[in-house]
Amino acid sequence: MSQASANLSSEATAPCATARALIEAGDPAADARALRRCLGQFPTGVTVVTARNGERLVGMAVNSFAAVSLAPPLVLWSIRRESSSAQDFLQAGHYAVSVLADDQVELSQLFGSSHPERFERARWQAGLQGAPLIEGAIAHLECRLEQVHEGGDHLILVGHVERYARFEGAPLLFTQGHYGVAQEHPALAEATPPGDQSAATELSDAELLRQLIYASQRLSLDFDSHRQALGLDMPMSRLVNRLREGACDPAELARATYLEPEEVADGLAGLEQQGLVCACGDGRVELSTSGRERQAAIAGSANHYMKDKLGQIAEADLAAFKRVLQALGHD
């Protein structure tokens, strides 16, 4: 191969950088919420970390979990210093990590809240040292607290894994203020063998659910440019759509929008800065006049966007799909 051909081949196969519009930048010390949004660009799994301190059970949804070492087997997670559960986790001496499956969004929200009956509402069984193991999770890690490190406004708890268990299923993900599911990248998908279309058309119930979730998220991401043109990101847009129905408190907003409490707080702060929401005086917030106008604008934009997308589907297929969605939506 000639040098010119080699250079051409190298240029043809080299990955190209995609030009992306800058959303925000700045000093993290000046805007902690903006830093959190930036960190949210990195997707994580979702876990519930639990412990038993005497007769007291503690647990919380955590996405700071990470593996540290295989030999010895070490993992870590972090907890806010001012958390009401921090001392219980430190005194317990053991904790358990349950890695949530993609159908456990409501359970993540339950343990992401301060609901007093979290363990009464969740199904679990006690582990070796009594720490609750969440049923339906795709992995359990039972750990002895090995080290505690200072981490600014957090404490980093390193645990020695004493027992593990792995189950079938797909993980629940969290990124950019919303839940997601794992999906094989299209570039890595294997082509269906000629003459064998069954693999492409026959989906298991679990795979069908994942495809529906993926399609919803894909459409939402594609619609981002319309939201940004109106000064809204995805969490803010969800909050505005929910508040269209009436005043709401932050806890109810988290449940209705499938956002974490921190994302609700960030979204409301952003909406308040733009004058789109106002406080009712009883802990609830509602849309201002400007907020209702903005919601109507994004609803109109969404309507045009969906008409364009659905216009690419045959009427008979679209009618059948609508019937399926209506059937799935019924209790």
Protein backbone atom coordinates (compact mmCIF):
# COMPACT_ATOMS: atom_id res chain seq x y z
CA MET A 1 0.00 0.00 0.00
CA SER A 2 1.35 3.43 -0.93
CA GLN A 3 1.86 6.12 1.70
CA ALA A 4 -0.91 8.19 0.08
CA SER A 5 -3.29 5.22 0.22
CA ALA A 6 -2.34 4.56 3.83
CA ASN A 7 -3.06 8.16 4.75
CA LEU A 8 -6.39 8.08 2.94
CA SER A 9 -7.33 4.84 4.68
CA SER A 10 -6.38 6.28 8.05
CA GLU A 11 -8.43 9.42 7.43
CA ALA A 12 -11.42 7.39 6.28
CA THR A 13 -11.45 5.20 9.39
CA ALA A 14 -10.51 7.80 12.00
CA PRO A 15 -13.42 8.80 14.24
CA CYS A 16 -14.80 12.27 13.58
CA ALA A 17 -15.53 14.67 16.42
CA THR A 18 -19.14 15.87 16.44
CA ALA A 19 -19.63 19.61 16.87
CA ARG A 20 -21.89 20.12 19.88
CA ALA A 21 -23.49 23.35 21.09
CA LEU A 22 -22.26 24.61 24.46
CA ILE A 23 -25.08 24.65 27.02
CA GLU A 24 -23.34 26.24 30.01
CA ALA A 25 -19.89 26.69 31.55
CA GLY A 26 -18.41 28.45 34.55
CA ASP A 27 -16.93 28.29 38.02
CA PRO A 28 -18.46 25.41 40.04
CA ALA A 29 -17.95 27.38 43.26
CA ALA A 30 -20.33 30.02 41.93
CA ASP A 31 -23.14 27.64 40.89
CA ALA A 32 -23.32 24.21 42.53
CA ARG A 33 -26.55 23.35 40.70
CA ALA A 34 -24.89 23.95 37.33
CA LEU A 35 -22.04 21.65 38.39
CA ARG A 36 -24.59 18.97 39.31
CA ARG A 37 -26.15 19.28 35.86
CA CYS A 38 -22.70 18.88 34.30
CA LEU A 39 -22.00 15.79 36.41
CA GLY A 40 -25.38 14.46 35.28
CA GLN A 41 -23.94 14.09 31.78
CA PHE A 42 -22.20 10.97 33.12
CA PRO A 43 -24.74 8.10 33.28
CA THR A 44 -24.76 5.86 36.35
CA GLY A 45 -26.56 2.83 37.62
CA VAL A 46 -29.02 3.12 40.50
CA THR A 47 -28.61 1.27 43.80
CA VAL A 48 -30.32 1.10 47.17
CA VAL A 49 -27.83 0.96 50.04
CA THR A 50 -29.17 -0.39 53.33
CA ALA A 51 -27.98 -1.20 56.84
CA ARG A 52 -29.30 -2.39 60.21
CA ASN A 53 -28.13 -0.47 63.26
CA GLY A 54 -29.58 -2.35 66.22
CA GLU A 55 -33.33 -2.35 65.63
CA ARG A 56 -33.19 0.57 63.23
CA LEU A 57 -33.23 0.01 59.44
CA VAL A 58 -31.81 2.68 57.12
CA GLY A 59 -31.72 2.82 53.36
CA MET A 60 -31.38 5.28 50.50
CA ALA A 61 -31.18 5.40 46.72
CA VAL A 62 -27.55 5.93 45.69
CA ASN A 63 -25.85 6.47 42.33
CA SER A 64 -22.37 7.23 43.72
CA PHE A 65 -21.64 3.50 44.05
CA ALA A 66 -18.43 2.27 42.38
CA ALA A 67 -16.11 -0.72 42.34
CA VAL A 68 -12.64 -0.14 43.84
CA SER A 69 -10.72 -3.43 43.84
CA LEU A 70 -11.10 -7.14 43.11
CA ALA A 71 -8.29 -8.32 45.40
CA PRO A 72 -9.26 -7.48 48.05
CA PRO A 73 -12.90 -7.07 46.96
CA LEU A 74 -13.71 -3.43 47.73
CA VAL A 75 -16.54 -1.08 46.72
CA LEU A 76 -17.46 2.44 47.76
CA TRP A 77 -20.32 4.92 47.92
CA SER A 78 -20.77 8.36 49.47
CA ILE A 79 -23.30 9.93 51.84
CA ARG A 80 -23.90 13.56 52.79
CA ARG A 81 -22.45 14.45 56.19
CA GLU A 82 -25.72 16.03 57.30
CA SER A 83 -27.82 13.02 56.23
CA SER A 84 -30.00 11.76 59.08
CA SER A 85 -28.84 8.22 58.24
CA ALA A 86 -25.09 8.91 58.22
CA GLN A 87 -24.41 7.89 61.83
CA ASP A 88 -26.48 4.72 61.48
CA PHE A 89 -24.43 3.60 58.48
CA LEU A 90 -21.19 4.35 60.36
CA GLN A 91 -22.27 2.57 63.55
CA ALA A 92 -23.77 -0.47 61.80
CA GLY A 93 -20.37 -1.63 60.58
CA HIS A 94 -21.96 -3.42 57.60
CA TYR A 95 -24.07 -2.34 54.65
CA ALA A 96 -25.71 -3.97 51.64
CA VAL A 97 -25.90 -2.69 48.07
CA SER A 98 -28.83 -3.72 45.86
CA VAL A 99 -28.35 -2.87 42.17
CA LEU A 100 -31.81 -1.99 40.83
CA ALA A 101 -33.36 -3.49 37.71
CA ASP A 102 -34.89 -1.40 34.93
CA ASP A 103 -38.43 -2.04 36.20
CA GLN A 104 -37.73 -0.64 39.71
CA VAL A 105 -38.09 3.10 39.08
CA GLU A 106 -40.81 3.47 41.73
CA LEU A 107 -38.65 1.64 44.27
CA SER A 108 -35.77 4.02 43.49
CA GLN A 109 -38.09 6.96 44.07
CA LEU A 110 -39.33 5.42 47.32
CA PHE A 111 -35.80 5.14 48.72
CA GLY A 112 -34.88 8.51 47.26
CA SER A 113 -37.53 10.07 49.51
CA SER A 114 -37.82 10.38 53.28
CA HIS A 115 -40.97 8.22 53.39
CA PRO A 116 -41.17 6.69 56.90
CA GLU A 117 -42.55 3.35 55.63
CA ARG A 118 -40.00 2.59 52.94
CA PHE A 119 -39.20 -0.86 54.28
CA GLU A 120 -42.88 -1.69 54.81
CA ARG A 121 -43.61 -0.85 51.17
CA ALA A 122 -40.61 -2.68 49.67
CA ARG A 123 -40.03 -6.43 49.52
CA TRP A 124 -36.69 -7.46 51.03
CA GLN A 125 -34.93 -10.14 53.04
CA ALA A 126 -32.21 -9.84 55.66
CA GLY A 127 -28.63 -10.51 54.62
CA LEU A 128 -25.76 -12.02 56.62
CA GLN A 129 -25.53 -9.09 59.05
CA GLY A 130 -29.19 -8.11 58.90
CA ALA A 131 -28.92 -5.43 56.22
CA PRO A 132 -31.99 -5.60 53.93
CA LEU A 133 -31.49 -7.04 50.44
CA ILE A 134 -34.04 -5.62 47.99
CA GLU A 135 -35.98 -8.30 46.11
CA GLY A 136 -36.06 -7.98 42.33
CA ALA A 137 -32.61 -6.33 42.19
CA ILE A 138 -30.13 -7.68 39.65
CA ALA A 139 -27.23 -7.80 42.15
CA HIS A 140 -26.61 -7.87 45.90
CA LEU A 141 -23.32 -6.98 47.59
CA GLU A 142 -23.03 -7.47 51.36
CA CYS A 143 -20.15 -5.45 52.76
CA ARG A 144 -18.18 -4.90 55.95
CA LEU A 145 -17.37 -1.21 56.46
CA GLU A 146 -13.61 -1.06 55.88
CA GLN A 147 -12.68 2.62 55.67
CA VAL A 148 -14.30 6.05 55.90
CA HIS A 149 -12.72 8.94 54.01
CA GLU A 150 -13.37 12.68 54.13
CA GLY A 151 -14.92 13.95 50.90
CA GLY A 152 -15.92 17.59 51.33
CA ASP A 153 -19.60 17.70 52.26
CA HIS A 154 -19.76 13.89 51.88
CA LEU A 155 -18.26 10.85 53.58
CA ILE A 156 -16.88 8.07 51.38
CA LEU A 157 -17.64 4.61 52.76
CA VAL A 158 -15.37 1.83 51.47
CA GLY A 159 -16.74 -1.68 52.04
CA HIS A 160 -15.13 -5.12 51.90
CA VAL A 161 -17.51 -7.41 49.97
CA GLU A 162 -18.24 -10.53 52.06
CA ARG A 163 -20.90 -12.03 49.80
CA TYR A 164 -22.33 -11.28 46.38
CA ALA A 165 -25.25 -12.51 44.27
CA ARG A 166 -26.09 -11.80 40.64
CA PHE A 167 -29.52 -12.19 39.02
CA GLU A 168 -30.85 -12.01 35.48
CA GLY A 169 -32.20 -8.70 34.26
CA ALA A 170 -31.15 -5.30 32.91
CA PRO A 171 -29.97 -2.36 35.05
CA LEU A 172 -31.80 0.86 35.78
CA LEU A 173 -29.78 3.90 34.67
CA PHE A 174 -29.87 7.57 35.58
CA THR A 175 -28.52 10.41 33.44
CA GLN A 176 -29.29 14.05 32.64
CA GLY A 177 -32.01 14.17 35.27
CA HIS A 178 -34.02 11.15 34.15
CA TYR A 179 -34.10 7.37 34.33
CA GLY A 180 -32.96 5.25 31.43
CA VAL A 181 -32.40 1.66 30.35
CA ALA A 182 -29.39 -0.10 28.85
CA GLN A 183 -29.62 -0.68 25.13
CA GLU A 184 -27.13 -2.27 22.75
CA HIS A 185 -25.55 0.39 20.54
CA PRO A 186 -26.96 0.18 16.97
CA ALA A 187 -23.43 0.12 15.56
CA LEU A 188 -22.74 -3.12 17.46
CA ALA A 189 -26.02 -4.88 16.70
CA GLU A 190 -25.62 -8.06 14.67
CA ALA A 191 -27.45 -8.23 11.36
CA THR A 192 -30.35 -10.67 11.16
CA PRO A 193 -29.37 -13.71 9.04
CA PRO A 194 -31.03 -13.76 5.57
CA GLY A 195 -34.33 -15.61 5.57
CA ASP A 196 -34.63 -15.48 9.37
CA GLN A 197 -36.78 -12.50 10.32
CA SER A 198 -38.23 -14.02 13.50
CA ALA A 199 -35.39 -12.68 15.67
CA ALA A 200 -36.20 -9.15 14.48
CA THR A 201 -39.96 -9.40 14.94
CA GLU A 202 -40.49 -11.61 17.99
CA LEU A 203 -39.76 -9.76 21.22
CA SER A 204 -40.05 -11.04 24.75
CA ASP A 205 -42.32 -9.07 27.09
CA ALA A 206 -39.29 -7.63 28.88
CA GLU A 207 -37.65 -6.62 25.59
CA LEU A 208 -40.88 -5.01 24.39
CA LEU A 209 -40.96 -2.91 27.57
CA ARG A 210 -37.36 -1.86 27.04
CA GLN A 211 -38.07 -0.94 23.41
CA LEU A 212 -41.02 1.22 24.45
CA ILE A 213 -38.92 2.99 27.10
CA TYR A 214 -36.05 3.43 24.65
CA ALA A 215 -38.35 4.89 21.97
CA SER A 216 -39.81 7.34 24.50
CA GLN A 217 -36.37 8.47 25.60
CA ARG A 218 -35.10 8.71 22.01
CA LEU A 219 -38.01 10.96 21.03
CA SER A 220 -37.49 13.07 24.13
CA LEU A 221 -33.79 13.53 23.38
CA ASP A 222 -34.55 14.39 19.75
CA PHE A 223 -36.99 17.06 20.98
CA ASP A 224 -34.27 18.71 23.10
CA SER A 225 -33.54 21.44 20.55
CA HIS A 226 -37.17 22.59 20.73
CA ARG A 227 -37.06 22.71 24.54
CA GLN A 228 -33.76 24.58 24.55
CA ALA A 229 -35.14 27.15 22.12
CA LEU A 230 -37.76 27.91 24.77
CA GLY A 231 -35.21 28.07 27.61
CA LEU A 232 -36.08 24.69 29.14
CA ASP A 233 -34.15 21.49 29.70
CA MET A 234 -35.74 18.06 30.05
CA PRO A 235 -36.39 18.15 33.84
CA MET A 236 -37.79 21.69 33.64
CA SER A 237 -40.06 20.68 30.78
CA ARG A 238 -41.43 17.74 32.77
CA LEU A 239 -42.09 19.97 35.76
CA VAL A 240 -43.89 22.56 33.63
CA ASN A 241 -46.09 19.87 32.07
CA ARG A 242 -47.06 18.50 35.50
CA LEU A 243 -47.70 21.95 36.96
CA ARG A 244 -50.09 22.65 34.09
CA GLU A 245 -52.51 20.36 35.94
CA GLY A 246 -52.32 22.46 39.12
CA ALA A 247 -50.19 23.39 42.12
CA CYS A 248 -47.92 20.69 43.48
CA ASP A 249 -45.33 20.15 46.23
CA PRO A 250 -41.77 18.94 45.42
CA ALA A 251 -42.35 15.39 46.68
CA GLU A 252 -45.40 14.95 44.45
CA LEU A 253 -43.50 16.46 41.52
CA ALA A 254 -40.72 13.88 41.98
CA ARG A 255 -43.22 11.02 41.91
CA ALA A 256 -45.14 12.35 38.92
CA THR A 257 -42.12 13.23 36.77
CA TYR A 258 -39.79 10.35 37.70
CA LEU A 259 -37.11 12.86 38.68
CA GLU A 260 -34.84 12.66 41.71
CA PRO A 261 -35.54 15.22 44.50
CA GLU A 262 -32.31 17.08 43.66
CA GLU A 263 -33.33 17.35 40.02
CA VAL A 264 -36.75 18.69 41.06
CA ALA A 265 -35.05 21.31 43.25
CA ASP A 266 -32.70 22.31 40.41
CA GLY A 267 -35.53 22.45 37.88
CA LEU A 268 -37.75 24.57 40.12
CA ALA A 269 -34.85 26.94 40.81
CA GLY A 270 -34.32 27.36 37.06
CA LEU A 271 -38.03 27.94 36.45
CA GLU A 272 -38.19 30.45 39.30
CA GLN A 273 -35.23 32.39 37.89
CA GLN A 274 -37.18 32.74 34.63
CA GLY A 275 -40.34 33.79 36.45
CA LEU A 276 -42.24 30.72 35.26
CA VAL A 277 -43.32 29.41 38.69
CA CYS A 278 -44.40 31.00 41.95
CA ALA A 279 -44.93 29.75 45.50
CA CYS A 280 -48.43 29.19 46.84
CA GLY A 281 -47.42 29.71 50.47
CA ASP A 282 -48.23 26.16 51.60
CA GLY A 283 -45.11 24.44 50.31
CA ARG A 284 -46.56 24.02 46.83
CA VAL A 285 -45.65 25.81 43.62
CA GLU A 286 -47.69 26.67 40.56
CA LEU A 287 -47.14 28.07 37.09
CA SER A 288 -47.14 31.83 36.72
CA THR A 289 -48.86 33.51 33.78
CA SER A 290 -45.55 33.45 31.92
CA GLY A 291 -45.16 29.81 32.84
CA ARG A 292 -48.53 28.90 31.33
CA GLU A 293 -47.62 30.76 28.14
CA ARG A 294 -44.30 28.88 27.96
CA GLN A 295 -46.06 25.55 28.56
CA ALA A 296 -48.51 26.28 25.75
CA ALA A 297 -45.61 27.12 23.43
CA ILE A 298 -43.75 23.89 24.15
CA ALA A 299 -46.97 21.90 23.81
CA GLY A 300 -47.53 23.40 20.38
CA SER A 301 -43.97 22.67 19.36
CA ALA A 302 -44.31 19.08 20.60
CA ASN A 303 -47.53 18.65 18.63
CA HIS A 304 -45.85 19.74 15.37
CA TYR A 305 -42.84 17.52 16.12
CA MET A 306 -44.97 14.42 16.72
CA LYS A 307 -47.09 15.03 13.63
CA ASP A 308 -43.91 15.10 11.59
CA LYS A 309 -42.64 11.87 13.19
CA LEU A 310 -45.94 9.99 13.00
CA GLY A 311 -46.47 11.12 9.43
CA GLN A 312 -43.74 8.65 8.45
CA ILE A 313 -45.82 5.68 9.70
CA ALA A 314 -48.58 3.99 7.70
CA GLU A 315 -52.07 4.82 9.01
CA ALA A 316 -52.98 1.18 9.65
CA ASP A 317 -49.77 0.60 11.65
CA LEU A 318 -50.29 3.80 13.59
CA ALA A 319 -53.89 2.90 14.46
CA ALA A 320 -52.80 -0.52 15.70
CA PHE A 321 -50.00 1.03 17.75
CA LYS A 322 -52.41 3.51 19.37
CA ARG A 323 -54.72 0.63 20.37
CA VAL A 324 -51.77 -1.19 21.95
CA LEU A 325 -50.73 1.91 23.91
CA GLN A 326 -54.29 2.49 25.11
CA ALA A 327 -54.55 -1.12 26.26
CA LEU A 328 -51.23 -0.89 28.11
CA GLY A 329 -52.33 2.35 29.76
CA HIS A 330 -55.46 0.84 31.32
CA ASP A 331 -55.24 -0.43 34.91
